């Protein structure tokens, strides 16, 4: 029965899913000539359209989305599987997938903007049923996170680098994640997340955590509170306390909205 249920769910997902193609395409000669992966367009987007709180200037992006469309076209045909020589290290590969996830999330939002109020308006469509071209294949956001990034790299800090375009998410940095600085960036984003009271706090004797620590508890070994103590020893968390989780804020990370 369980097997039949899983098959039925897979068939439903397959029937409901649709692939959003890149709006532009790259000349094959340009792809073949690449000697290194090019983050220039994604760098311009993050440094000019993302503020210190990780919010995106979606109206400005909607008015000029050429850079994002070019980057989406690039990751559609170039990646660790199709061009392994461009991604020789773990850092090269993980940086690619983190940036791809964040860029595809932004692409998914801007394609629905301004009608979209939250990625949680229709979470199944946003995360499961909308697929994108990536590295020569097709994938949805849920699978990119949970079938590639998490199991392949097994680094809990990625949860603080992946941004789902919501106020409750980790802050989207105003810069790309780059292979040469990835280790420092992951540690920095973990530290930032853990020291924000919205994510880790003590209230009425209880430890109150972001729901990220509830949804992905298995990634934070041996348990979320112990993991937090090991990463941020300066936080004063009671040795024995009830752990609660703060409801996630799914409001769109939009600079133009309150």
Foldseek 3Di string as FASTA:
>chain_A
DVVVVVVVVVVVLVVQADEDEQPDADPPVVLVPDPADDCVLVLCLLQPAADPLQFGALVVCLVPVVSLSVVLNNQLADACVNCVVNQVDPLSRLLSLLSNLQSVLSVLVSVCPPVDFFCVVPVCRQARRYWYRGNNRIDGSVCSVPVPNCVPPLDVLSQLSHDNQFSLGRRHHSGGQHSVCNVVVSLVSVVVQLPDCLAWDADPQATEGACVCVVPQVSQPPGVVVSSCVSCVVDDRDPDHHYHYDDGTRGGSHPVDD
